[in-house]
Amino acid sequence: MTEQRGIRSGARWISLAQVEARAANAASAFRARGVGEDDSIALLLRNDFPFFETGLAASRLGACATPINWHYTAAEASYILRDSGAKALVAHTDLYRRIAAAVPPEVAVFLVPTPAEIRAAYGLPSGEAEFAGAELSWDEAIAAHPPLPDPPRLPRLSTIYTSGTTGKPKGVQRSAPTPEQSARMDALRPLWWGLHPDEPATVLMNGPMYHSAPNSYGMTAVRAGADIVLQTRFDAEEMLALIEAHRITHMHIVPTMFVRLLRLPAETRARYDLSSLRFVVHGAAACAPEIKAEMIAWWGPVIYEYYGSTEFGLATHISAHEALRKPGSVGRTLPGVRIAIVDDERRLVAPGEVGEIFVGSEAVPDFIYRGLAESRAEVDLDGLVTCGDVGRFDDEGYLFLSDRKRDMVISGGVNIYPAEIEAALAGHPAIKDCAVFGLPDEEFGEILHACILPVDTTASLEIAELRTYLEDRIARFKIPKHFELVDELPREDSGKLFKRKLQAARRS
């Protein structure tokens, strides 16, 4: 890494060499507080320099970095700290203030002052609370410890906790990689993310690194020696301005960002020079084919997509050219990956038939769900694992996702996948966001309910017009029985929708 390459956030900048040096000191600070191999170091941070420093420090120790979703309540954060057995926590001061009383007393706490650009983006007060006792200053701890003398270990994947939509979050903790697995992963990462250690890249990071894919992407970028620009909070026009100002070449984004970018006025979109873009990759949620085609028409053939999960890593990959030829597909199987699609009796189905998707990868170390051996066994099929997705292969080996198995609606004995309906609705110019799900019904078992967030919440949106719009795009039996206009939808920064909250509120 050269001194000239680094990470920028607002007006602040740090070189990658400084990040590496601070990580070596941080590893000593962690070791002094009892952190060793296979131990957990928790992070309660927005995207910031210490996120990278902590991840690199954990790797040096052979420890596991365990990011916590900073939207969590004190009780939810406390559960992850206890379940992961975290021996240390690195936290922004404003986030720590919300959970301080729930942090186990044995956890060593390192506090990071919340930077000015983050305070401004989230409307936080400028003053920082004083903490005394067990809390330590991150910067002072780094300054007080020499670099860890041990050679760096093979990079370990972070322990990511699943979103917990069907119960408490489950920690996906991986074994240490073998040298062969590490080599395979190094060979695949350029295909996954387009980042080559020997090719200069400037990355725009806007996805929260407490999620699996942005975490992998961000840590890959720093290890590949890329320049990194942190967008404090997603704003569509600001993204375009950052791309132009910093000549961004690489990004990882989610489909909801595509939708918001395309909703910008044409004159706004035309104002910015985006010619520097080389590799924009997306995943995490379904992308409507119409939205994908519009983005490719605007940005060119620089858009790639993958299918993956926290449990099994990345499984497929598709280029822009392939996506235009195979609209709706998430691509073909990556090298070293095996995908099996099975029916309810776990028998392989033929191409064209829909079934549950199981995946295994030679590059990704095996995992356990912390403290839940039975849950790990439930998702296993001869060494392959599932995250509950349903889909099909076509006769050329391209994978098409239908939906999550748990989100499938059975109405009148017919299987209906809400993701298909949501993708159709996403193309409507007056719709900003939407969620489709099943509700109990005496006659049909379940009926479809659609929550619609209009672009303009003050303007009228005719339900009859929405039905007509869908009739041209999907079968009539898939059109929701009820449409509801809402002022907001509970969606995470990662693009994941809290559909269960919507269902629960309408079942009561």
Protein backbone atom coordinates (compact mmCIF):
# COMPACT_ATOMS: atom_id res chain seq x y z
CA MET A 1 0.00 0.00 0.00
CA THR A 2 1.28 3.47 -0.80
CA GLU A 3 1.03 6.52 1.43
CA GLN A 4 -1.06 8.27 -1.23
CA ARG A 5 -3.98 5.84 -1.10
CA GLY A 6 -6.42 6.09 1.76
CA ILE A 7 -9.94 6.44 3.13
CA ARG A 8 -11.94 9.66 3.02
CA SER A 9 -15.01 10.60 5.06
CA GLY A 10 -16.25 14.16 4.63
CA ALA A 11 -13.25 16.45 5.15
CA ARG A 12 -11.22 13.75 6.94
CA TRP A 13 -8.66 11.49 5.27
CA ILE A 14 -6.31 8.76 6.48
CA SER A 15 -3.75 6.83 4.45
CA LEU A 16 -3.99 3.05 4.15
CA ALA A 17 -0.50 2.81 5.63
CA GLN A 18 -1.76 4.65 8.73
CA VAL A 19 -4.79 2.35 8.93
CA GLU A 20 -2.50 -0.71 8.87
CA ALA A 21 -0.20 0.80 11.49
CA ARG A 22 -3.08 1.72 13.80
CA ALA A 23 -4.54 -1.78 13.36
CA ALA A 24 -1.24 -3.32 14.51
CA ASN A 25 -1.32 -1.14 17.64
CA ALA A 26 -5.00 -1.88 18.21
CA ALA A 27 -4.26 -5.61 18.08
CA SER A 28 -1.84 -5.13 21.00
CA ALA A 29 -4.47 -3.14 22.90
CA PHE A 30 -6.98 -5.94 22.41
CA ARG A 31 -4.48 -8.62 23.44
CA ALA A 32 -3.72 -6.65 26.61
CA ARG A 33 -7.39 -7.04 27.51
CA GLY A 34 -7.45 -10.76 26.98
CA VAL A 35 -8.52 -11.04 23.33
CA GLY A 36 -6.99 -14.01 21.57
CA GLU A 37 -7.57 -16.41 18.69
CA ASP A 38 -11.23 -17.24 17.99
CA ASP A 39 -12.42 -14.57 20.44
CA SER A 40 -14.98 -11.97 19.39
CA ILE A 41 -14.46 -8.21 19.02
CA ALA A 42 -17.79 -6.40 18.60
CA LEU A 43 -18.24 -3.23 16.57
CA LEU A 44 -21.06 -0.73 17.10
CA LEU A 45 -19.94 1.72 14.44
CA ARG A 46 -21.24 3.46 11.39
CA ASN A 47 -18.87 3.27 8.40
CA ASP A 48 -15.77 5.03 9.73
CA PHE A 49 -11.99 4.61 9.83
CA PRO A 50 -12.03 2.54 13.08
CA PHE A 51 -14.30 -0.03 11.41
CA PHE A 52 -11.45 -0.93 9.05
CA GLU A 53 -8.83 -0.66 11.81
CA THR A 54 -10.78 -3.02 14.08
CA GLY A 55 -11.34 -5.57 11.31
CA LEU A 56 -7.65 -5.63 10.41
CA ALA A 57 -6.66 -5.83 14.09
CA ALA A 58 -8.97 -8.79 14.64
CA SER A 59 -7.37 -10.59 11.68
CA ARG A 60 -3.91 -10.07 13.16
CA LEU A 61 -5.05 -11.85 16.32
CA GLY A 62 -7.02 -14.58 14.58
CA ALA A 63 -10.07 -13.14 16.33
CA CYS A 64 -13.54 -12.60 14.85
CA ALA A 65 -14.86 -9.11 14.16
CA THR A 66 -18.57 -9.09 15.05
CA PRO A 67 -20.45 -6.05 13.71
CA ILE A 68 -23.70 -5.07 15.46
CA ASN A 69 -26.53 -3.39 13.55
CA TRP A 70 -26.44 0.08 15.09
CA HIS A 71 -30.22 0.41 14.69
CA TYR A 72 -30.65 -2.25 17.40
CA THR A 73 -32.10 -1.50 20.81
CA ALA A 74 -30.02 -1.93 23.95
CA ALA A 75 -31.61 -5.34 24.57
CA GLU A 76 -30.87 -6.52 21.00
CA ALA A 77 -27.26 -5.29 21.14
CA SER A 78 -26.78 -6.86 24.57
CA TYR A 79 -28.01 -10.21 23.23
CA ILE A 80 -25.35 -10.19 20.49
CA LEU A 81 -22.59 -9.13 22.88
CA ARG A 82 -23.47 -12.01 25.21
CA ASP A 83 -24.20 -14.59 22.51
CA SER A 84 -20.94 -13.88 20.66
CA GLY A 85 -18.92 -13.92 23.87
CA ALA A 86 -17.42 -10.56 22.90
CA LYS A 87 -14.38 -9.61 24.95
CA ALA A 88 -14.18 -6.09 23.51
CA LEU A 89 -16.49 -3.52 21.95
CA VAL A 90 -15.49 -0.59 19.73
CA ALA A 91 -18.33 1.94 19.52
CA HIS A 92 -19.19 5.45 18.41
CA THR A 93 -19.96 7.52 21.50
CA ASP A 94 -23.53 8.42 20.52
CA LEU A 95 -24.37 4.76 19.78
CA TYR A 96 -22.75 3.53 22.98
CA ARG A 97 -24.74 6.02 25.02
CA ARG A 98 -27.95 4.23 23.96
CA ILE A 99 -26.78 0.77 25.08
CA ALA A 100 -24.24 1.49 27.86
CA ALA A 101 -26.38 0.12 30.68
CA ALA A 102 -26.87 -3.18 28.81
CA VAL A 103 -23.19 -3.90 28.04
CA PRO A 104 -21.88 -6.87 30.06
CA PRO A 105 -19.35 -5.67 32.67
CA GLU A 106 -16.63 -8.06 31.43
CA VAL A 107 -16.54 -6.43 27.95
CA ALA A 108 -13.69 -3.93 27.42
CA VAL A 109 -15.20 -0.84 25.77
CA PHE A 110 -13.25 1.40 23.38
CA LEU A 111 -15.01 4.65 22.47
CA VAL A 112 -14.70 6.50 19.16
CA PRO A 113 -15.85 10.14 19.01
CA THR A 114 -18.71 10.41 16.54
CA PRO A 115 -17.25 12.40 13.60
CA ALA A 116 -18.72 15.76 12.57
CA GLU A 117 -19.93 14.53 9.16
CA ILE A 118 -21.85 11.66 10.78
CA ARG A 119 -23.36 13.98 13.40
CA ALA A 120 -24.47 16.33 10.63
CA ALA A 121 -25.93 13.55 8.45
CA TYR A 122 -28.03 12.15 11.29
CA GLY A 123 -28.88 15.39 13.07
CA LEU A 124 -26.92 14.49 16.21
CA PRO A 125 -25.89 17.07 18.84
CA SER A 126 -22.29 18.22 18.66
CA GLY A 127 -21.51 17.60 22.34
CA GLU A 128 -20.12 14.22 23.42
CA ALA A 129 -20.99 12.64 26.76
CA GLU A 130 -18.20 11.97 29.22
CA PHE A 131 -17.60 8.37 30.21
CA ALA A 132 -15.49 7.26 33.09
CA GLY A 133 -14.40 3.92 34.44
CA ALA A 134 -14.27 0.93 32.09
CA GLU A 135 -14.58 2.92 28.85
CA LEU A 136 -11.36 3.60 26.96
CA SER A 137 -10.52 6.11 24.25
CA TRP A 138 -9.86 4.30 20.95
CA ASP A 139 -7.16 6.78 19.90
CA GLU A 140 -5.48 6.78 23.32
CA ALA A 141 -5.44 2.98 23.46
CA ILE A 142 -3.79 2.81 20.03
CA ALA A 143 -1.22 5.42 21.03
CA ALA A 144 -0.42 3.59 24.26
CA HIS A 145 0.39 0.21 22.70
CA PRO A 146 3.22 -0.87 20.38
CA PRO A 147 2.49 -2.77 17.16
CA LEU A 148 1.68 -6.44 17.65
CA PRO A 149 4.92 -8.29 16.84
CA ASP A 150 3.18 -11.45 15.56
CA PRO A 151 2.89 -11.88 11.78
CA PRO A 152 -0.63 -11.33 10.40
CA ARG A 153 -2.87 -14.41 10.20
CA LEU A 154 -4.87 -15.43 7.13
CA PRO A 155 -7.77 -12.96 6.87
CA ARG A 156 -10.88 -14.23 8.63
CA LEU A 157 -14.43 -13.44 7.63
CA SER A 158 -16.44 -11.41 10.13
CA THR A 159 -19.06 -13.09 12.30
CA ILE A 160 -22.30 -11.65 10.94
CA TYR A 161 -25.60 -11.95 12.79
CA THR A 162 -28.59 -12.62 10.58
CA SER A 163 -31.45 -10.13 10.59
CA GLY A 164 -33.58 -12.21 12.95
CA THR A 165 -36.84 -11.96 11.02
CA THR A 166 -37.90 -15.40 12.33
CA GLY A 167 -36.61 -15.13 15.90
CA LYS A 168 -33.42 -13.95 17.56
CA PRO A 169 -30.49 -13.21 15.23
CA LYS A 170 -28.13 -16.13 14.62
CA GLY A 171 -24.38 -15.60 14.56
CA VAL A 172 -22.69 -17.13 11.50
CA GLN A 173 -19.22 -17.92 12.85
CA ARG A 174 -16.75 -19.44 10.41
CA SER A 175 -13.80 -21.69 10.96
CA ALA A 176 -10.35 -20.27 10.27
CA PRO A 177 -9.64 -20.53 6.53
CA THR A 178 -7.12 -23.05 5.29
CA PRO A 179 -4.35 -21.71 3.04
CA GLU A 180 -6.15 -23.39 0.09
CA GLN A 181 -9.46 -21.70 0.93
CA SER A 182 -7.75 -18.35 1.38
CA ALA A 183 -6.06 -18.72 -2.02
CA ARG A 184 -9.35 -19.67 -3.69
CA MET A 185 -11.07 -16.67 -2.11
CA ASP A 186 -8.31 -14.33 -3.26
CA ALA A 187 -8.71 -15.68 -6.80
CA LEU A 188 -12.50 -15.22 -6.75
CA ARG A 189 -12.74 -11.77 -5.16
CA PRO A 190 -11.80 -9.93 -8.39
CA LEU A 191 -14.71 -11.71 -10.08
CA TRP A 192 -17.04 -10.99 -7.15
CA TRP A 193 -16.18 -7.33 -6.64
CA GLY A 194 -14.03 -6.33 -9.64
CA LEU A 195 -11.19 -5.34 -7.29
CA HIS A 196 -7.69 -6.38 -8.38
CA PRO A 197 -4.73 -5.65 -6.05
CA ASP A 198 -2.59 -4.66 -9.05
CA GLU A 199 -5.16 -2.31 -10.61
CA PRO A 200 -5.89 1.11 -8.99
CA ALA A 201 -9.49 1.55 -7.90
CA THR A 202 -11.51 4.21 -6.13
CA VAL A 203 -14.41 2.74 -4.18
CA LEU A 204 -17.53 4.51 -2.94
CA MET A 205 -18.80 2.79 0.22
CA ASN A 206 -22.41 3.58 1.08
CA GLY A 207 -23.80 0.27 2.37
CA PRO A 208 -23.62 -0.37 6.14
CA MET A 209 -20.68 -2.62 6.98
CA TYR A 210 -22.61 -4.37 9.73
CA HIS A 211 -24.18 -6.34 6.85
CA SER A 212 -22.45 -9.29 5.24
CA ALA A 213 -21.87 -8.16 1.64
CA PRO A 214 -20.86 -4.52 2.36
CA ASN A 215 -18.58 -5.84 5.11
CA SER A 216 -16.85 -8.26 2.73
CA TYR A 217 -16.71 -5.59 0.04
CA GLY A 218 -15.23 -2.91 2.31
CA MET A 219 -12.61 -5.18 3.86
CA THR A 220 -11.67 -6.51 0.41
CA ALA A 221 -11.26 -2.94 -0.82
CA VAL A 222 -8.91 -1.95 1.98
CA ARG A 223 -6.84 -5.15 1.62
CA ALA A 224 -6.67 -4.59 -2.16
CA GLY A 225 -5.20 -1.13 -1.60
CA ALA A 226 -8.13 0.81 -3.07
CA ASP A 227 -8.89 4.43 -2.39
CA ILE A 228 -12.13 4.45 -0.40
CA VAL A 229 -14.70 7.24 -0.11
CA LEU A 230 -17.35 6.81 2.60
CA GLN A 231 -20.80 8.25 1.88
CA THR A 232 -22.05 9.02 5.36
CA ARG A 233 -25.72 8.49 4.53
CA PHE A 234 -27.24 7.58 1.18
CA ASP A 235 -28.63 10.45 -0.86
CA ALA A 236 -29.15 9.86 -4.58
CA GLU A 237 -27.87 13.18 -5.92
CA GLU A 238 -24.99 13.31 -3.44
CA MET A 239 -23.92 9.88 -4.73
CA LEU A 240 -23.70 11.26 -8.27
CA ALA A 241 -21.73 14.26 -7.01
CA LEU A 242 -19.27 12.01 -5.16
CA ILE A 243 -18.79 9.81 -8.22
CA GLU A 244 -17.89 12.86 -10.30
CA ALA A 245 -15.76 14.60 -7.66
CA HIS A 246 -13.64 11.56 -6.74
CA ARG A 247 -13.72 9.73 -10.09
CA ILE A 248 -15.26 6.67 -8.45
CA THR A 249 -14.55 3.42 -10.31
CA HIS A 250 -16.19 0.76 -8.09
CA MET A 251 -19.32 0.52 -5.92
CA HIS A 252 -21.48 -2.03 -4.14
CA ILE A 253 -25.10 -0.85 -3.96
CA VAL A 254 -28.62 -2.25 -3.53
CA PRO A 255 -31.64 -2.07 -5.88
CA THR A 256 -33.52 0.48 -3.75
CA MET A 257 -30.70 2.90 -4.55
CA PHE A 258 -31.25 2.25 -8.28
CA VAL A 259 -34.91 3.17 -7.87
CA ARG A 260 -34.11 6.41 -6.04
CA LEU A 261 -31.45 7.33 -8.58
CA LEU A 262 -33.90 6.80 -11.44
CA ARG A 263 -36.49 8.97 -9.68
CA LEU A 264 -34.17 12.00 -9.93
CA PRO A 265 -35.24 14.54 -12.57
CA ALA A 266 -33.64 13.97 -15.97
CA GLU A 267 -31.81 17.29 -15.80
CA THR A 268 -30.29 16.33 -12.43
CA ARG A 269 -29.12 12.97 -13.73
CA ALA A 270 -27.54 14.59 -16.80
CA ARG A 271 -25.62 17.10 -14.69
CA TYR A 272 -22.95 14.69 -13.47
CA ASP A 273 -20.03 12.98 -15.23
CA LEU A 274 -20.15 9.27 -14.37
CA SER A 275 -17.69 8.10 -17.02
CA SER A 276 -15.17 6.91 -14.40
CA LEU A 277 -17.40 3.98 -13.33
CA ARG A 278 -15.99 0.53 -14.19
CA PHE A 279 -17.63 -2.01 -11.87
CA VAL A 280 -20.88 -1.46 -9.98
CA VAL A 281 -22.10 -4.62 -8.27
CA HIS A 282 -25.43 -5.19 -6.56
CA GLY A 283 -27.21 -7.88 -4.59
CA ALA A 284 -29.02 -8.32 -1.23
CA ALA A 285 -32.52 -7.85 -2.69
CA ALA A 286 -34.46 -8.50 -5.88
CA CYS A 287 -34.05 -6.01 -8.72
CA ALA A 288 -36.88 -5.49 -11.20
CA PRO A 289 -35.68 -6.21 -14.77
CA GLU A 290 -37.07 -2.85 -15.96
CA ILE A 291 -35.06 -1.00 -13.31
CA LYS A 292 -31.91 -2.95 -14.20
CA ALA A 293 -32.34 -2.19 -17.92
CA GLU A 294 -32.82 1.53 -17.23
CA MET A 295 -29.66 1.65 -15.11
CA ILE A 296 -27.62 -0.13 -17.77
CA ALA A 297 -28.95 2.27 -20.40
CA TRP A 298 -27.84 5.19 -18.20
CA TRP A 299 -24.52 3.96 -16.76
CA GLY A 300 -23.50 1.53 -19.48
CA PRO A 301 -22.44 -2.14 -19.17
CA VAL A 302 -20.65 -1.61 -15.86
CA ILE A 303 -23.39 -3.13 -13.67
CA TYR A 304 -22.95 -6.64 -12.28
CA GLU A 305 -25.11 -8.72 -9.96
CA TYR A 306 -24.53 -11.64 -7.62
CA TYR A 307 -26.57 -14.04 -5.53
CA GLY A 308 -25.26 -14.98 -2.12
CA SER A 309 -25.96 -15.15 1.59
CA THR A 310 -24.23 -14.75 4.94
CA GLU A 311 -24.19 -18.54 5.30
CA PHE A 312 -22.63 -19.61 2.00
CA GLY A 313 -21.02 -16.50 0.52
CA LEU A 314 -21.39 -15.64 -3.17
CA ALA A 315 -22.85 -18.31 -5.43
CA THR A 316 -23.60 -16.74 -8.83
CA HIS A 317 -22.57 -13.76 -10.94
CA ILE A 318 -24.00 -12.01 -14.00
CA SER A 319 -22.76 -9.20 -16.24
CA ALA A 320 -24.81 -6.37 -17.71
CA HIS A 321 -24.76 -7.95 -21.17
CA GLU A 322 -26.03 -11.25 -19.79
CA ALA A 323 -28.69 -9.49 -17.70
CA LEU A 324 -30.16 -7.84 -20.80
CA ARG A 325 -30.29 -11.24 -22.51
CA LYS A 326 -31.63 -13.02 -19.40
CA PRO A 327 -33.80 -10.44 -17.62
CA GLY A 328 -34.48 -11.37 -14.02
CA SER A 329 -31.61 -13.84 -13.70
CA VAL A 330 -28.95 -13.58 -10.99
CA GLY A 331 -26.43 -15.40 -13.15
CA ARG A 332 -24.58 -18.67 -13.44
CA THR A 333 -22.74 -20.68 -10.81
CA LEU A 334 -19.32 -19.35 -9.81
CA PRO A 335 -16.18 -21.54 -10.03
CA GLY A 336 -15.83 -23.85 -7.03
CA VAL A 337 -19.51 -23.48 -6.12
CA ARG A 338 -22.17 -26.18 -6.22
CA ILE A 339 -25.91 -25.36 -6.30
CA ALA A 340 -28.70 -27.89 -5.87
CA ILE A 341 -32.40 -27.05 -6.28
CA VAL A 342 -34.69 -29.53 -4.54
CA ASP A 343 -38.38 -30.16 -3.88
CA ASP A 344 -40.04 -30.55 -0.47
CA GLU A 345 -38.71 -34.13 -0.25
CA ARG A 346 -35.23 -32.75 -1.03
CA ARG A 347 -35.06 -34.44 -4.42
CA LEU A 348 -33.31 -32.62 -7.26
CA VAL A 349 -35.71 -30.88 -9.64
CA ALA A 350 -35.28 -30.51 -13.40
CA PRO A 351 -34.35 -27.21 -15.12
CA GLY A 352 -37.37 -24.95 -15.24
CA GLU A 353 -38.86 -26.39 -12.03
CA VAL A 354 -38.95 -24.28 -8.87
CA GLY A 355 -37.45 -25.56 -5.64
CA GLU A 356 -35.42 -24.61 -2.58
CA ILE A 357 -31.84 -23.54 -3.28
CA PHE A 358 -28.88 -25.18 -1.47
CA VAL A 359 -25.32 -23.95 -1.99
CA GLY A 360 -21.78 -25.01 -1.12
CA SER A 361 -18.48 -23.25 -1.89
CA GLU A 362 -14.93 -24.60 -1.85
CA ALA A 363 -13.59 -21.11 -1.07
CA VAL A 364 -15.73 -20.32 1.98
CA PRO A 365 -14.89 -21.96 5.35
CA ASP A 366 -17.67 -23.88 7.07
CA PHE A 367 -19.65 -22.20 9.82
CA ILE A 368 -21.67 -22.79 12.94
CA TYR A 369 -24.61 -20.85 14.30
CA ARG A 370 -23.25 -19.89 17.71
CA GLY A 371 -24.92 -22.07 20.32
CA LEU A 372 -27.43 -23.47 17.84
CA ALA A 373 -26.03 -26.70 16.43
CA GLU A 374 -29.54 -27.94 15.63
CA SER A 375 -30.25 -24.86 13.51
CA ARG A 376 -27.10 -25.50 11.46
CA ALA A 377 -28.21 -29.08 10.86
CA GLU A 378 -31.66 -27.94 9.73
CA VAL A 379 -30.24 -25.95 6.79
CA ASP A 380 -27.81 -28.66 5.65
CA LEU A 381 -28.13 -30.99 2.67
CA ASP A 382 -25.06 -33.16 2.13
CA GLY A 383 -22.73 -30.29 2.97
CA LEU A 384 -24.74 -27.68 1.09
CA VAL A 385 -26.74 -25.05 3.01
CA THR A 386 -29.84 -22.98 2.35
CA CYS A 387 -31.02 -19.58 3.48
CA GLY A 388 -34.58 -20.41 2.47
CA ASP A 389 -34.55 -19.00 -1.05
CA VAL A 390 -36.65 -20.55 -3.80
CA GLY A 391 -35.77 -20.49 -7.52
CA ARG A 392 -35.07 -22.36 -10.73
CA PHE A 393 -32.37 -22.94 -13.32
CA ASP A 394 -33.11 -22.42 -17.00
CA ASP A 395 -31.73 -24.76 -19.65
CA GLU A 396 -28.53 -22.66 -19.96
CA GLY A 397 -27.73 -22.84 -16.26
CA TYR A 398 -28.89 -19.32 -15.35
CA LEU A 399 -30.45 -19.05 -11.90
CA PHE A 400 -33.74 -17.20 -11.38
CA LEU A 401 -34.94 -16.44 -7.85
CA SER A 402 -38.61 -16.65 -6.99
CA ASP A 403 -38.68 -15.53 -3.36
CA ARG A 404 -37.90 -16.61 0.16
CA LYS A 405 -39.62 -19.88 0.97
CA ARG A 406 -41.05 -18.35 4.14
CA ASP A 407 -42.47 -15.40 2.15
CA MET A 408 -44.32 -17.58 -0.34
CA VAL A 409 -48.09 -17.10 -0.22
CA ILE A 410 -50.47 -20.03 -0.81
CA SER A 411 -53.77 -18.55 -1.98
CA GLY A 412 -56.52 -20.90 -3.08
CA GLY A 413 -53.94 -23.72 -3.24
CA VAL A 414 -51.66 -21.78 -5.63
CA ASN A 415 -48.06 -20.85 -4.73
CA ILE A 416 -47.44 -17.13 -5.28
CA TYR A 417 -44.11 -15.37 -4.82
CA PRO A 418 -44.48 -11.74 -3.64
CA ALA A 419 -41.04 -10.75 -4.97
CA GLU A 420 -42.34 -11.12 -8.54
CA ILE A 421 -45.22 -8.75 -7.81
CA GLU A 422 -42.93 -6.26 -6.05
CA ALA A 423 -40.61 -6.27 -9.06
CA ALA A 424 -43.55 -5.48 -11.35
CA LEU A 425 -44.75 -2.64 -9.10
CA ALA A 426 -41.25 -1.17 -8.82
CA GLY A 427 -41.37 -0.16 -12.48
CA HIS A 428 -44.37 2.15 -11.94
CA PRO A 429 -43.18 5.78 -12.14
CA ALA A 430 -45.40 6.91 -9.25
CA ILE A 431 -44.20 4.21 -6.82
CA LYS A 432 -41.15 4.85 -4.65
CA ASP A 433 -41.22 1.57 -2.74
CA CYS A 434 -43.56 -1.35 -2.10
CA ALA A 435 -44.07 -4.53 -0.08
CA VAL A 436 -46.35 -7.45 -0.89
CA PHE A 437 -47.21 -10.19 1.61
CA GLY A 438 -49.89 -12.66 2.60
CA LEU A 439 -52.62 -12.19 5.22
CA PRO A 440 -54.94 -14.91 6.58
CA ASP A 441 -58.24 -15.40 4.76
CA GLU A 442 -61.08 -17.81 5.58
CA GLU A 443 -61.93 -18.58 1.96
CA PHE A 444 -58.53 -18.69 0.25
CA GLY A 445 -56.24 -19.46 3.18
CA GLU A 446 -54.17 -16.36 2.39
CA ILE A 447 -54.72 -13.27 0.30
CA LEU A 448 -52.17 -10.81 -1.08
CA HIS A 449 -51.82 -7.37 0.49
CA ALA A 450 -49.68 -4.62 -1.06
CA CYS A 451 -48.30 -1.64 0.84
CA ILE A 452 -47.42 1.16 -1.60
CA LEU A 453 -45.16 4.12 -0.83
CA PRO A 454 -45.83 6.75 -3.53
CA VAL A 455 -43.14 9.05 -4.89
CA ASP A 456 -45.42 11.96 -3.96
CA THR A 457 -47.37 11.15 -0.79
CA THR A 458 -49.54 14.24 -1.27
CA ALA A 459 -50.79 13.22 -4.73
CA SER A 460 -53.59 10.75 -5.36
CA LEU A 461 -52.72 7.31 -6.70
CA GLU A 462 -55.64 5.38 -8.12
CA ILE A 463 -55.85 1.75 -7.05
CA ALA A 464 -57.76 0.86 -10.22
CA GLU A 465 -54.86 2.22 -12.28
CA LEU A 466 -52.41 0.04 -10.31
CA ARG A 467 -54.50 -3.04 -11.04
CA THR A 468 -54.57 -2.19 -14.75
CA TYR A 469 -50.82 -1.63 -14.70
CA LEU A 470 -50.23 -5.07 -13.17
CA GLU A 471 -52.64 -6.84 -15.53
CA ASP A 472 -50.21 -6.11 -18.37
CA ARG A 473 -47.29 -7.60 -16.45
CA ILE A 474 -48.38 -10.53 -14.27
CA ALA A 475 -51.19 -13.11 -14.19
CA ARG A 476 -54.45 -11.90 -12.69
CA PHE A 477 -54.32 -14.34 -9.76
CA LYS A 478 -51.09 -12.67 -8.63
CA ILE A 479 -52.63 -9.19 -8.37
CA PRO A 480 -53.07 -8.25 -4.69
CA LYS A 481 -56.56 -8.28 -3.25
CA HIS A 482 -55.86 -5.16 -1.21
CA PHE A 483 -53.68 -2.11 -1.90
CA GLU A 484 -52.73 0.25 0.91
CA LEU A 485 -50.98 3.61 0.48
CA VAL A 486 -48.45 4.26 3.26
CA ASP A 487 -46.19 7.15 4.29
CA GLU A 488 -43.14 4.95 4.94
CA LEU A 489 -41.88 1.38 4.74
CA PRO A 490 -39.49 -0.17 7.31
CA ARG A 491 -36.46 -0.89 5.16
CA GLU A 492 -32.84 -1.19 6.33
CA ASP A 493 -29.94 0.68 4.73
CA SER A 494 -28.96 -2.67 3.20
CA GLY A 495 -32.20 -2.71 1.21
CA LYS A 496 -33.81 -5.45 3.28
CA LEU A 497 -37.48 -4.88 4.10
CA PHE A 498 -38.94 -5.65 7.54
CA LYS A 499 -41.96 -7.31 5.99
CA ARG A 500 -42.82 -9.17 9.19
CA LYS A 501 -43.53 -5.86 10.95
CA LEU A 502 -46.01 -4.90 8.24
CA GLN A 503 -47.73 -8.28 8.44
CA ALA A 504 -47.95 -8.27 12.22
CA ALA A 505 -49.53 -4.80 12.30
CA ARG A 506 -52.24 -5.86 9.84
CA ARG A 507 -52.99 -9.17 11.47
CA SER A 508 -53.83 -7.58 14.80
